[in-house]
């Protein structure tokens, strides 16, 4: 990792926003993302008991994606339509796969989710990882392709980004973000979505 470039990015951000993400100038941006509300919604949605009712679970998952400011307006209806097109057995399979993704075994779950969504042509990094960062905002990461590619390139990470989500990149990217988190001012990393937001704005 290019730590020198990271420290330059940190200095530039703190020069513009001395309070980090607590700086008043960033308040409108934070309000738009409604992180605390989304985290609360995800906590209920991904509770282990929710996975026993696939139809209700997937309906609320679509709501999570549609309400998120981090998913593009183009992907939201595509994801909704893809879920609505699933038959009952496919719904059960996707729900079981998501249960693995959120409660383990995680690697197996991610691969299963991607395989199912790929058949619907909606296996996108954003929809696969969105709920993870809302459910565990201090531990998991949201992979936004443009941001992830910029972080990998600018910080010279030894990671191979591919458009189709895969475990190798996700786990490596998460490890890098957690490394960065320990090296920058705490005001830049109230949660992992904020941390990648800082990197997006500076890199």
Foldseek 3Di string as FASTA:
>chain_A
DQVVLLVVLQVVQCVVAVLFCVGPVCVVVVVLQPLVVLLVLLQVLLDLVNLVDLVVSVVSLLVSQVSGPLDDPVLSVLSVVLQVPDDPVLSNQLSVLVNCCAPHPNQSSLVSNLVSVVVSVNQFQQSSQVSVCSNPQAQAARCDPVLLVCCCVSSVQPADDDGHDHDRRRVSSSVVLVVSCVVHDVSQPPGSHSVSVSSSVRD
